[in-house]
Each structure stands twice: as structure tokens, then as C-alpha cells.
Amino acid sequence: MTTLIIAQLTIQETQRKRILWLALILGGLFLLLFGIGFHYIYSDMEQFAGNRDQIFLGFLLMAGLYVVNFLIVMLSVLTSVTAVSGEIETHTIETLLTKPVRRWEVVLGKWLGFVVLLIGYIILLAGGVMLIVYLRAGFAVENLWAGLGLMVLEGLAVLSLTIAGGTRLSTLANGVLTFMLYGVAFIGGWVEQIGALLRNETAVDIGIVSSLIMPSEMLWKKASALFLPSLANNPFNVGPFAVASEPSTLMLLYGGFYTVALLLLALWSFSVRDL
């Protein structure tokens, strides 16, 4: 019960700081711009091509989802980077811990609060992009819920990393750590994809190692492969959003283990540290 109360207070805190409202407004603006742009692009496709170009529609859809994926990662970091470290630095946490509340309940409650926000934002943005494409062009993704689930898992992995870092690092150091690890995963993912196209095993291995350090890009690649299984594996179909090297089921299990392990680390780390 205490954990759920803290989760509710975490959500209310994002409302008080206007983070939630800004995210919703700017997310709506993103969908509006995407919808307008897609409408006019598709109108030209109908006029000149005379029929639906599935490959081009897949490219536009993946471009929109790629931006959504990036926004999800940024939101996961920016909303939670001060969740623990910020309250330690301002000594707010000391006031909370004078009540009959266990430390791990505070961390878990905050994590759950951000999870609710994250899932809602993914449904809003990713679902909105897919709905726009479907209503305008009749083009739908496959494996909808599995793909969205992997996008959620990616956000949770980043969130768990940020929360765990906040139990030991300052807010600035925690933000730098998370963004740099995401950068490692991002460039490693591209190296792996290019290596797979060129059949360079060393480059592929570099990408796999980067996914072990931070599985965010790997989870996105698997999600995109599930959304468009007939198009995503060919760079001539979806260009830079192609998945030449599709992550295995074992790597997906690792992504789940990574998320849970970091959450447990955060609970333990905050419980034993001196305040």
C-alpha cells in the first residue's frame, strides 16, 4: 500500500511541476505535425503512383516510430533523473523517511509511478503514429502488442538505470552516465547493423557487446522487426531503419533481466547507503 501511495504521489509531482502537461501538449504537437506531413506526402503518392506504395508507407511509419522511440528514452531519463538524487541533495528524502516507510518502498513507488507515465506516453505517441497511418492509408503494423511491449521494456531499462544511478550519483553525474550509455548502445547498434550487411563478424560482435552494456537499441530493433517483418529486414525497403541483424530471443530475455537486476540494485543500494 505504501508503495502505491508513493507511486501516486510521484505522478502528482509530475503534474505539479507541469512535466506531465508539457509532455502531453508537445506529444500532441508531434502527432499533429506528423499527421499533416503524412497526409500531404500520401496525397502525392496517390496522385503520381496511383496506388499504395507499401514500401514507402513502411518507411514513413518507421521514421515516425523511430522518433517516438527516441522521445521515450529522453522522457524516461529526464523525468526520473532527479527522482532519488534530487531529493537526497535537497534533504527532502530525510523528511519522508522519518515516517514509517521503508527505503525500498520509496524507490519502488517512484519507479512504479514513472512506469505508469511511460506506458501512457508510449500508447499515446506510438499508437497515435500507427493510427494516423492506418486511418489515412489503411496501412497497419503486425505484432502490435509484442512490438509495443518491447518499446515499453526499452523505456523500463533506461528508467531502471536512471533510478539505480540516482541512489549513488549526483543528478548531473547520473544524467551524464545514462545518456553516455545510451550513446554507446546507439552507435553499437548501428555498427552491428552495418557489420551484418557487410558480413563483418567483428562489427556484429561489437554491437552485441554494446547491447550487453545497454540493451536499449537492441530492444528497438526487435520491435521494429516485429512491426514490419516483411519489410524491416531489407535496407532497400526502409533505409536506415532496416534490421539486418535481428536480436535473438536470448537477447530479449537479457533485456528483461537487465531491467529487473537494475531495479533490485536500486532498491538495495538506497537501503544501505548513508544519508
C-alpha atoms as a PDB file:
ATOM      1  CA  MET A   1       0.000   0.000   0.000  1.00  0.00           C
ATOM      2  CA  THR A   2       2.820   2.431   0.877  1.00  0.00           C
ATOM      3  CA  THR A   3       4.463   1.750  -2.468  1.00  0.00           C
ATOM      4  CA  LEU A   4       1.256   2.536  -4.355  1.00  0.00           C
ATOM      5  CA  ILE A   5       0.789   5.773  -2.404  1.00  0.00           C
ATOM      6  CA  ILE A   6       4.315   6.890  -3.323  1.00  0.00           C
ATOM      7  CA  ALA A   7       3.641   5.954  -6.951  1.00  0.00           C
ATOM      8  CA  GLN A   8       0.530   8.143  -6.884  1.00  0.00           C
ATOM      9  CA  LEU A   9       2.471  10.993  -5.283  1.00  0.00           C
ATOM     10  CA  THR A  10       5.148  10.647  -7.971  1.00  0.00           C
ATOM     11  CA  ILE A  11       2.552  11.086 -10.700  1.00  0.00           C
ATOM     12  CA  GLN A  12       1.071  14.047  -8.880  1.00  0.00           C
ATOM     13  CA  GLU A  13       4.534  15.565  -8.595  1.00  0.00           C
ATOM     14  CA  THR A  14       4.947  15.474 -12.380  1.00  0.00           C
ATOM     15  CA  GLN A  15       1.609  17.284 -12.647  1.00  0.00           C
ATOM     16  CA  ARG A  16       2.649  19.897 -10.109  1.00  0.00           C
ATOM     17  CA  LYS A  17       5.896  20.557 -11.934  1.00  0.00           C
ATOM     18  CA  ARG A  18       3.971  20.662 -15.243  1.00  0.00           C
ATOM     19  CA  ILE A  19       6.149  17.883 -16.650  1.00  0.00           C
ATOM     20  CA  LEU A  20       3.135  15.716 -17.428  1.00  0.00           C
ATOM     21  CA  TRP A  21       1.196  18.523 -19.114  1.00  0.00           C
ATOM     22  CA  LEU A  22       4.180  19.627 -21.196  1.00  0.00           C
ATOM     23  CA  ALA A  23       4.767  16.039 -22.306  1.00  0.00           C
ATOM     24  CA  LEU A  24       1.122  15.671 -23.335  1.00  0.00           C
ATOM     25  CA  ILE A  25       0.968  19.014 -25.148  1.00  0.00           C
ATOM     26  CA  LEU A  26       4.243  18.515 -27.007  1.00  0.00           C
ATOM     27  CA  GLY A  27       3.319  14.908 -27.769  1.00  0.00           C
ATOM     28  CA  GLY A  28       0.058  16.147 -29.275  1.00  0.00           C
ATOM     29  CA  LEU A  29       2.005  18.713 -31.307  1.00  0.00           C
ATOM     30  CA  PHE A  30       4.283  15.976 -32.607  1.00  0.00           C
ATOM     31  CA  LEU A  31       1.325  13.875 -33.708  1.00  0.00           C
ATOM     32  CA  LEU A  32      -0.291  16.899 -35.348  1.00  0.00           C
ATOM     33  CA  LEU A  33       2.823  17.682 -37.384  1.00  0.00           C
ATOM     34  CA  PHE A  34       3.323  14.042 -38.303  1.00  0.00           C
ATOM     35  CA  GLY A  35      -0.314  13.713 -39.349  1.00  0.00           C
ATOM     36  CA  ILE A  36      -0.247  16.817 -41.537  1.00  0.00           C
ATOM     37  CA  GLY A  37       3.049  15.827 -43.137  1.00  0.00           C
ATOM     38  CA  PHE A  38       1.929  12.274 -43.762  1.00  0.00           C
ATOM     39  CA  HIS A  39      -1.376  13.438 -45.264  1.00  0.00           C
ATOM     40  CA  TYR A  40       0.276  15.592 -47.910  1.00  0.00           C
ATOM     41  CA  ILE A  41       3.018  13.091 -48.684  1.00  0.00           C
ATOM     42  CA  TYR A  42       0.488  10.324 -49.124  1.00  0.00           C
ATOM     43  CA  SER A  43      -1.682  12.589 -51.305  1.00  0.00           C
ATOM     44  CA  ASP A  44       1.263  12.987 -53.686  1.00  0.00           C
ATOM     45  CA  MET A  45       1.825   9.238 -53.629  1.00  0.00           C
ATOM     46  CA  GLU A  46      -1.782   8.645 -54.670  1.00  0.00           C
ATOM     47  CA  GLN A  47      -1.597  11.271 -57.390  1.00  0.00           C
ATOM     48  CA  PHE A  48       1.621  10.143 -59.049  1.00  0.00           C
ATOM     49  CA  ALA A  49       1.766   6.480 -58.226  1.00  0.00           C
ATOM     50  CA  GLY A  50      -1.942   5.852 -58.485  1.00  0.00           C
ATOM     51  CA  ASN A  51      -1.771   3.104 -55.863  1.00  0.00           C
ATOM     52  CA  ARG A  52      -0.441   2.395 -52.451  1.00  0.00           C
ATOM     53  CA  ASP A  53       3.306   2.004 -52.200  1.00  0.00           C
ATOM     54  CA  GLN A  54       3.720  -0.374 -49.264  1.00  0.00           C
ATOM     55  CA  ILE A  55       7.474   0.103 -49.075  1.00  0.00           C
ATOM     56  CA  PHE A  56       7.253   3.880 -48.892  1.00  0.00           C
ATOM     57  CA  LEU A  57       4.454   3.691 -46.333  1.00  0.00           C
ATOM     58  CA  GLY A  58       6.582   1.362 -44.252  1.00  0.00           C
ATOM     59  CA  PHE A  59       9.472   3.816 -44.448  1.00  0.00           C
ATOM     60  CA  LEU A  60       7.327   6.738 -43.281  1.00  0.00           C
ATOM     61  CA  LEU A  61       5.813   4.704 -40.473  1.00  0.00           C
ATOM     62  CA  MET A  62       9.213   3.531 -39.236  1.00  0.00           C
ATOM     63  CA  ALA A  63      10.553   7.088 -39.406  1.00  0.00           C
ATOM     64  CA  GLY A  64       7.733   8.255 -37.148  1.00  0.00           C
ATOM     65  CA  LEU A  65       8.187   5.374 -34.718  1.00  0.00           C
ATOM     66  CA  TYR A  66      11.935   5.927 -34.647  1.00  0.00           C
ATOM     67  CA  VAL A  67      11.400   9.477 -33.417  1.00  0.00           C
ATOM     68  CA  VAL A  68       8.854   8.211 -30.882  1.00  0.00           C
ATOM     69  CA  ASN A  69      11.400   5.688 -29.622  1.00  0.00           C
ATOM     70  CA  PHE A  70      13.971   8.448 -29.098  1.00  0.00           C
ATOM     71  CA  LEU A  71      11.435  10.615 -27.279  1.00  0.00           C
ATOM     72  CA  ILE A  72      10.552   7.714 -24.984  1.00  0.00           C
ATOM     73  CA  VAL A  73      14.183   7.282 -23.964  1.00  0.00           C
ATOM     74  CA  MET A  74      14.585  11.013 -23.350  1.00  0.00           C
ATOM     75  CA  LEU A  75      11.389  11.143 -21.304  1.00  0.00           C
ATOM     76  CA  SER A  76      12.480   8.132 -19.239  1.00  0.00           C
ATOM     77  CA  VAL A  77      15.707   9.892 -18.299  1.00  0.00           C
ATOM     78  CA  LEU A  78      14.553  13.469 -17.862  1.00  0.00           C
ATOM     79  CA  THR A  79      11.531  12.693 -15.715  1.00  0.00           C
ATOM     80  CA  SER A  80      13.334  10.325 -13.349  1.00  0.00           C
ATOM     81  CA  VAL A  81      16.885  11.657 -13.162  1.00  0.00           C
ATOM     82  CA  THR A  82      16.101  13.696 -10.034  1.00  0.00           C
ATOM     83  CA  ALA A  83      13.668  11.191  -8.504  1.00  0.00           C
ATOM     84  CA  VAL A  84      16.147   9.937  -5.915  1.00  0.00           C
ATOM     85  CA  SER A  85      19.319  12.018  -6.202  1.00  0.00           C
ATOM     86  CA  GLY A  86      17.400  15.292  -6.274  1.00  0.00           C
ATOM     87  CA  GLU A  87      15.587  14.516  -3.046  1.00  0.00           C
ATOM     88  CA  ILE A  88      18.830  13.430  -1.400  1.00  0.00           C
ATOM     89  CA  GLU A  89      20.571  16.650  -2.428  1.00  0.00           C
ATOM     90  CA  THR A  90      17.713  18.816  -1.103  1.00  0.00           C
ATOM     91  CA  HIS A  91      17.319  16.627   2.026  1.00  0.00           C
ATOM     92  CA  THR A  92      13.639  16.132   1.185  1.00  0.00           C
ATOM     93  CA  ILE A  93      14.073  12.391   1.488  1.00  0.00           C
ATOM     94  CA  GLU A  94      15.033  12.716   5.151  1.00  0.00           C
ATOM     95  CA  THR A  95      11.632  14.153   5.973  1.00  0.00           C
ATOM     96  CA  LEU A  96       9.900  11.292   4.197  1.00  0.00           C
ATOM     97  CA  LEU A  97      11.987   8.638   5.927  1.00  0.00           C
ATOM     98  CA  THR A  98      11.082   9.938   9.389  1.00  0.00           C
ATOM     99  CA  LYS A  99       7.695   8.309   8.763  1.00  0.00           C
ATOM    100  CA  PRO A 100       7.189   4.511   8.999  1.00  0.00           C
ATOM    101  CA  VAL A 101       8.321   3.982   5.417  1.00  0.00           C
ATOM    102  CA  ARG A 102      10.982   1.547   4.260  1.00  0.00           C
ATOM    103  CA  ARG A 103      13.590   2.916   1.924  1.00  0.00           C
ATOM    104  CA  TRP A 104      12.973   0.307  -0.739  1.00  0.00           C
ATOM    105  CA  GLU A 105       9.286   1.218  -0.756  1.00  0.00           C
ATOM    106  CA  VAL A 106      10.192   4.798  -1.661  1.00  0.00           C
ATOM    107  CA  VAL A 107      12.351   3.731  -4.601  1.00  0.00           C
ATOM    108  CA  LEU A 108       9.883   1.110  -5.851  1.00  0.00           C
ATOM    109  CA  GLY A 109       6.975   3.537  -5.536  1.00  0.00           C
ATOM    110  CA  LYS A 110       8.765   6.163  -7.586  1.00  0.00           C
ATOM    111  CA  TRP A 111       9.706   3.562 -10.189  1.00  0.00           C
ATOM    112  CA  LEU A 112       6.095   2.381 -10.486  1.00  0.00           C
ATOM    113  CA  GLY A 113       4.850   5.956 -10.831  1.00  0.00           C
ATOM    114  CA  PHE A 114       7.182   6.582 -13.738  1.00  0.00           C
ATOM    115  CA  VAL A 115       6.231   3.237 -15.285  1.00  0.00           C
ATOM    116  CA  VAL A 116       2.592   4.337 -15.466  1.00  0.00           C
ATOM    117  CA  LEU A 117       3.587   7.606 -17.124  1.00  0.00           C
ATOM    118  CA  LEU A 118       5.913   5.823 -19.533  1.00  0.00           C
ATOM    119  CA  ILE A 119       3.316   3.303 -20.668  1.00  0.00           C
ATOM    120  CA  GLY A 120       0.760   6.045 -21.191  1.00  0.00           C
ATOM    121  CA  TYR A 121       3.194   8.099 -23.255  1.00  0.00           C
ATOM    122  CA  ILE A 122       4.125   5.132 -25.425  1.00  0.00           C
ATOM    123  CA  ILE A 123       0.475   4.337 -26.104  1.00  0.00           C
ATOM    124  CA  LEU A 124      -0.172   7.993 -26.935  1.00  0.00           C
ATOM    125  CA  LEU A 125       2.755   8.562 -29.290  1.00  0.00           C
ATOM    126  CA  ALA A 126       3.414   5.160 -30.856  1.00  0.00           C
ATOM    127  CA  GLY A 127      -0.285   4.351 -31.015  1.00  0.00           C
ATOM    128  CA  GLY A 128      -1.009   7.790 -32.427  1.00  0.00           C
ATOM    129  CA  VAL A 129       1.542   7.415 -35.234  1.00  0.00           C
ATOM    130  CA  MET A 130       0.200   3.984 -36.159  1.00  0.00           C
ATOM    131  CA  LEU A 131      -3.401   5.182 -36.049  1.00  0.00           C
ATOM    132  CA  ILE A 132      -2.655   8.158 -38.310  1.00  0.00           C
ATOM    133  CA  VAL A 133      -1.032   5.919 -40.921  1.00  0.00           C
ATOM    134  CA  TYR A 134      -3.834   3.370 -40.711  1.00  0.00           C
ATOM    135  CA  LEU A 135      -6.697   5.883 -40.964  1.00  0.00           C
ATOM    136  CA  ARG A 136      -5.105   7.780 -43.854  1.00  0.00           C
ATOM    137  CA  ALA A 137      -3.540   4.959 -45.845  1.00  0.00           C
ATOM    138  CA  GLY A 138      -5.007   1.736 -44.460  1.00  0.00           C
ATOM    139  CA  PHE A 139      -1.507   0.505 -43.627  1.00  0.00           C
ATOM    140  CA  ALA A 140      -1.217  -1.436 -40.359  1.00  0.00           C
ATOM    141  CA  VAL A 141       1.679  -2.930 -38.461  1.00  0.00           C
ATOM    142  CA  GLU A 142       1.892  -6.570 -37.465  1.00  0.00           C
ATOM    143  CA  ASN A 143       2.516  -7.931 -33.958  1.00  0.00           C
ATOM    144  CA  LEU A 144       1.238  -4.684 -32.455  1.00  0.00           C
ATOM    145  CA  TRP A 145       1.255  -5.612 -28.782  1.00  0.00           C
ATOM    146  CA  ALA A 146       4.527  -7.516 -28.887  1.00  0.00           C
ATOM    147  CA  GLY A 147       6.252  -4.566 -30.539  1.00  0.00           C
ATOM    148  CA  LEU A 148       4.764  -2.055 -28.118  1.00  0.00           C
ATOM    149  CA  GLY A 149       5.753  -4.326 -25.246  1.00  0.00           C
ATOM    150  CA  LEU A 150       9.384  -4.203 -26.360  1.00  0.00           C
ATOM    151  CA  MET A 151       9.244  -0.414 -26.610  1.00  0.00           C
ATOM    152  CA  VAL A 152       7.918  -0.359 -23.053  1.00  0.00           C
ATOM    153  CA  LEU A 153      10.713  -2.706 -21.951  1.00  0.00           C
ATOM    154  CA  GLU A 154      13.273  -0.395 -23.528  1.00  0.00           C
ATOM    155  CA  GLY A 155      11.877   2.536 -21.586  1.00  0.00           C
ATOM    156  CA  LEU A 156      11.885   0.467 -18.389  1.00  0.00           C
ATOM    157  CA  ALA A 157      15.522  -0.500 -18.911  1.00  0.00           C
ATOM    158  CA  VAL A 158      16.505   3.161 -19.212  1.00  0.00           C
ATOM    159  CA  LEU A 159      14.288   4.068 -16.264  1.00  0.00           C
ATOM    160  CA  SER A 160      15.805   1.379 -14.035  1.00  0.00           C
ATOM    161  CA  LEU A 161      19.301   2.521 -14.958  1.00  0.00           C
ATOM    162  CA  THR A 162      18.455   6.125 -14.103  1.00  0.00           C
ATOM    163  CA  ILE A 163      16.834   5.206 -10.783  1.00  0.00           C
ATOM    164  CA  ALA A 164      19.767   2.954  -9.831  1.00  0.00           C
ATOM    165  CA  GLY A 165      22.278   5.649 -10.707  1.00  0.00           C
ATOM    166  CA  GLY A 166      20.347   8.188  -8.659  1.00  0.00           C
ATOM    167  CA  THR A 167      20.852   6.167  -5.472  1.00  0.00           C
ATOM    168  CA  ARG A 168      24.615   6.766  -5.598  1.00  0.00           C
ATOM    169  CA  LEU A 169      25.393   9.586  -8.033  1.00  0.00           C
ATOM    170  CA  SER A 170      24.549  13.266  -8.156  1.00  0.00           C
ATOM    171  CA  THR A 171      21.799  14.344 -10.542  1.00  0.00           C
ATOM    172  CA  LEU A 172      24.264  15.684 -13.117  1.00  0.00           C
ATOM    173  CA  ALA A 173      26.538  12.644 -12.965  1.00  0.00           C
ATOM    174  CA  ASN A 174      23.556  10.324 -13.206  1.00  0.00           C
ATOM    175  CA  GLY A 175      22.245  12.097 -16.298  1.00  0.00           C
ATOM    176  CA  VAL A 176      25.661  12.005 -17.955  1.00  0.00           C
ATOM    177  CA  LEU A 177      26.040   8.288 -17.182  1.00  0.00           C
ATOM    178  CA  THR A 178      22.643   7.368 -18.622  1.00  0.00           C
ATOM    179  CA  PHE A 179      22.981   9.442 -21.774  1.00  0.00           C
ATOM    180  CA  MET A 180      26.511   8.190 -22.438  1.00  0.00           C
ATOM    181  CA  LEU A 181      25.470   4.556 -22.036  1.00  0.00           C
ATOM    182  CA  TYR A 182      22.546   5.185 -24.372  1.00  0.00           C
ATOM    183  CA  GLY A 183      25.035   6.705 -26.839  1.00  0.00           C
ATOM    184  CA  VAL A 184      27.193   3.579 -26.590  1.00  0.00           C
ATOM    185  CA  ALA A 185      24.168   1.391 -27.312  1.00  0.00           C
ATOM    186  CA  PHE A 186      23.091   3.645 -30.187  1.00  0.00           C
ATOM    187  CA  ILE A 187      26.404   3.642 -32.037  1.00  0.00           C
ATOM    188  CA  GLY A 188      26.956  -0.019 -31.227  1.00  0.00           C
ATOM    189  CA  GLY A 189      23.603  -0.877 -32.750  1.00  0.00           C
ATOM    190  CA  TRP A 190      24.480   0.896 -35.982  1.00  0.00           C
ATOM    191  CA  VAL A 191      27.894  -0.801 -36.108  1.00  0.00           C
ATOM    192  CA  GLU A 192      26.173  -4.168 -35.718  1.00  0.00           C
ATOM    193  CA  GLN A 193      23.640  -3.483 -38.475  1.00  0.00           C
ATOM    194  CA  ILE A 194      26.275  -2.260 -40.922  1.00  0.00           C
ATOM    195  CA  GLY A 195      28.501  -5.188 -39.997  1.00  0.00           C
ATOM    196  CA  ALA A 196      25.641  -7.592 -40.697  1.00  0.00           C
ATOM    197  CA  LEU A 197      25.105  -6.057 -44.148  1.00  0.00           C
ATOM    198  CA  LEU A 198      28.825  -6.331 -44.921  1.00  0.00           C
ATOM    199  CA  ARG A 199      29.063  -9.747 -43.226  1.00  0.00           C
ATOM    200  CA  ASN A 200      31.731  -8.463 -40.867  1.00  0.00           C
ATOM    201  CA  GLU A 201      31.595 -10.640 -37.756  1.00  0.00           C
ATOM    202  CA  THR A 202      33.820  -8.334 -35.717  1.00  0.00           C
ATOM    203  CA  ALA A 203      31.462  -5.400 -36.220  1.00  0.00           C
ATOM    204  CA  VAL A 204      28.495  -7.593 -35.288  1.00  0.00           C
ATOM    205  CA  ASP A 205      30.264  -8.721 -32.122  1.00  0.00           C
ATOM    206  CA  ILE A 206      30.933  -5.083 -31.183  1.00  0.00           C
ATOM    207  CA  GLY A 207      27.229  -4.388 -31.489  1.00  0.00           C
ATOM    208  CA  ILE A 208      26.357  -7.382 -29.320  1.00  0.00           C
ATOM    209  CA  VAL A 209      28.760  -6.242 -26.590  1.00  0.00           C
ATOM    210  CA  SER A 210      27.236  -2.753 -26.644  1.00  0.00           C
ATOM    211  CA  SER A 211      23.783  -4.333 -26.250  1.00  0.00           C
ATOM    212  CA  LEU A 212      25.011  -6.181 -23.179  1.00  0.00           C
ATOM    213  CA  ILE A 213      26.147  -2.868 -21.694  1.00  0.00           C
ATOM    214  CA  MET A 214      22.862  -1.158 -22.555  1.00  0.00           C
ATOM    215  CA  PRO A 215      20.114  -3.119 -24.374  1.00  0.00           C
ATOM    216  CA  SER A 216      18.025  -0.132 -25.495  1.00  0.00           C
ATOM    217  CA  GLU A 217      18.916  -0.185 -29.206  1.00  0.00           C
ATOM    218  CA  MET A 218      18.604  -3.962 -29.356  1.00  0.00           C
ATOM    219  CA  LEU A 219      15.062  -3.838 -27.985  1.00  0.00           C
ATOM    220  CA  TRP A 220      14.079  -1.159 -30.502  1.00  0.00           C
ATOM    221  CA  LYS A 221      15.496  -3.185 -33.400  1.00  0.00           C
ATOM    222  CA  LYS A 222      13.497  -6.222 -32.368  1.00  0.00           C
ATOM    223  CA  ALA A 223      10.340  -4.134 -32.005  1.00  0.00           C
ATOM    224  CA  SER A 224      10.739  -2.653 -35.484  1.00  0.00           C
ATOM    225  CA  ALA A 225      11.338  -6.124 -36.927  1.00  0.00           C
ATOM    226  CA  LEU A 226       8.086  -7.301 -35.344  1.00  0.00           C
ATOM    227  CA  PHE A 227       6.119  -4.301 -36.586  1.00  0.00           C
ATOM    228  CA  LEU A 228       7.130  -4.831 -40.243  1.00  0.00           C
ATOM    229  CA  PRO A 229       8.516  -8.378 -40.565  1.00  0.00           C
ATOM    230  CA  SER A 230       8.219  -8.393 -44.359  1.00  0.00           C
ATOM    231  CA  LEU A 231       9.953  -5.031 -44.864  1.00  0.00           C
ATOM    232  CA  ALA A 232      12.235  -4.241 -41.945  1.00  0.00           C
ATOM    233  CA  ASN A 233      14.996  -6.706 -42.804  1.00  0.00           C
ATOM    234  CA  ASN A 234      15.810  -5.050 -46.134  1.00  0.00           C
ATOM    235  CA  PRO A 235      17.580  -1.648 -46.276  1.00  0.00           C
ATOM    236  CA  PHE A 236      16.088  -1.068 -49.740  1.00  0.00           C
ATOM    237  CA  ASN A 237      12.648  -1.080 -48.111  1.00  0.00           C
ATOM    238  CA  VAL A 238      13.024   1.080 -45.014  1.00  0.00           C
ATOM    239  CA  GLY A 239      16.509   2.527 -45.500  1.00  0.00           C
ATOM    240  CA  PRO A 240      18.365   3.350 -42.265  1.00  0.00           C
ATOM    241  CA  PHE A 241      15.568   1.799 -40.195  1.00  0.00           C
ATOM    242  CA  ALA A 242      16.280  -1.689 -41.529  1.00  0.00           C
ATOM    243  CA  VAL A 243      17.149  -4.562 -39.183  1.00  0.00           C
ATOM    244  CA  ALA A 244      19.903  -6.543 -40.894  1.00  0.00           C
ATOM    245  CA  SER A 245      20.820  -8.355 -37.676  1.00  0.00           C
ATOM    246  CA  GLU A 246      17.697  -9.244 -35.705  1.00  0.00           C
ATOM    247  CA  PRO A 247      18.210  -9.786 -31.953  1.00  0.00           C
ATOM    248  CA  SER A 248      17.608 -13.306 -30.677  1.00  0.00           C
ATOM    249  CA  THR A 249      15.101 -14.403 -28.062  1.00  0.00           C
ATOM    250  CA  LEU A 250      18.003 -14.858 -25.642  1.00  0.00           C
ATOM    251  CA  MET A 251      18.907 -11.182 -26.027  1.00  0.00           C
ATOM    252  CA  LEU A 252      15.306 -10.210 -25.300  1.00  0.00           C
ATOM    253  CA  LEU A 253      15.422 -12.257 -22.104  1.00  0.00           C
ATOM    254  CA  TYR A 254      18.632 -10.447 -21.238  1.00  0.00           C
ATOM    255  CA  GLY A 255      16.841  -7.130 -21.701  1.00  0.00           C
ATOM    256  CA  GLY A 256      14.241  -8.194 -19.143  1.00  0.00           C
ATOM    257  CA  PHE A 257      16.917  -9.469 -16.760  1.00  0.00           C
ATOM    258  CA  TYR A 258      18.869  -6.204 -17.164  1.00  0.00           C
ATOM    259  CA  THR A 259      15.800  -4.173 -16.201  1.00  0.00           C
ATOM    260  CA  VAL A 260      14.908  -6.264 -13.157  1.00  0.00           C
ATOM    261  CA  ALA A 261      18.522  -6.513 -11.982  1.00  0.00           C
ATOM    262  CA  LEU A 262      18.996  -2.741 -12.074  1.00  0.00           C
ATOM    263  CA  LEU A 263      15.731  -2.205 -10.212  1.00  0.00           C
ATOM    264  CA  LEU A 264      16.796  -4.647  -7.488  1.00  0.00           C
ATOM    265  CA  LEU A 265      20.194  -2.950  -7.371  1.00  0.00           C
ATOM    266  CA  ALA A 266      18.464   0.398  -6.860  1.00  0.00           C
ATOM    267  CA  LEU A 267      16.331  -0.986  -4.015  1.00  0.00           C
ATOM    268  CA  TRP A 268      19.359  -2.487  -2.283  1.00  0.00           C
ATOM    269  CA  SER A 269      21.695   0.453  -2.924  1.00  0.00           C
ATOM    270  CA  PHE A 270      19.329   3.026  -1.442  1.00  0.00           C
ATOM    271  CA  SER A 271      18.522   0.791   1.536  1.00  0.00           C
ATOM    272  CA  VAL A 272      22.154   0.504   2.642  1.00  0.00           C
ATOM    273  CA  ARG A 273      23.580   3.943   1.845  1.00  0.00           C
ATOM    274  CA  ASP A 274      24.183   6.642   4.425  1.00  0.00           C
ATOM    275  CA  LEU A 275      22.081   9.783   4.151  1.00  0.00           C
END
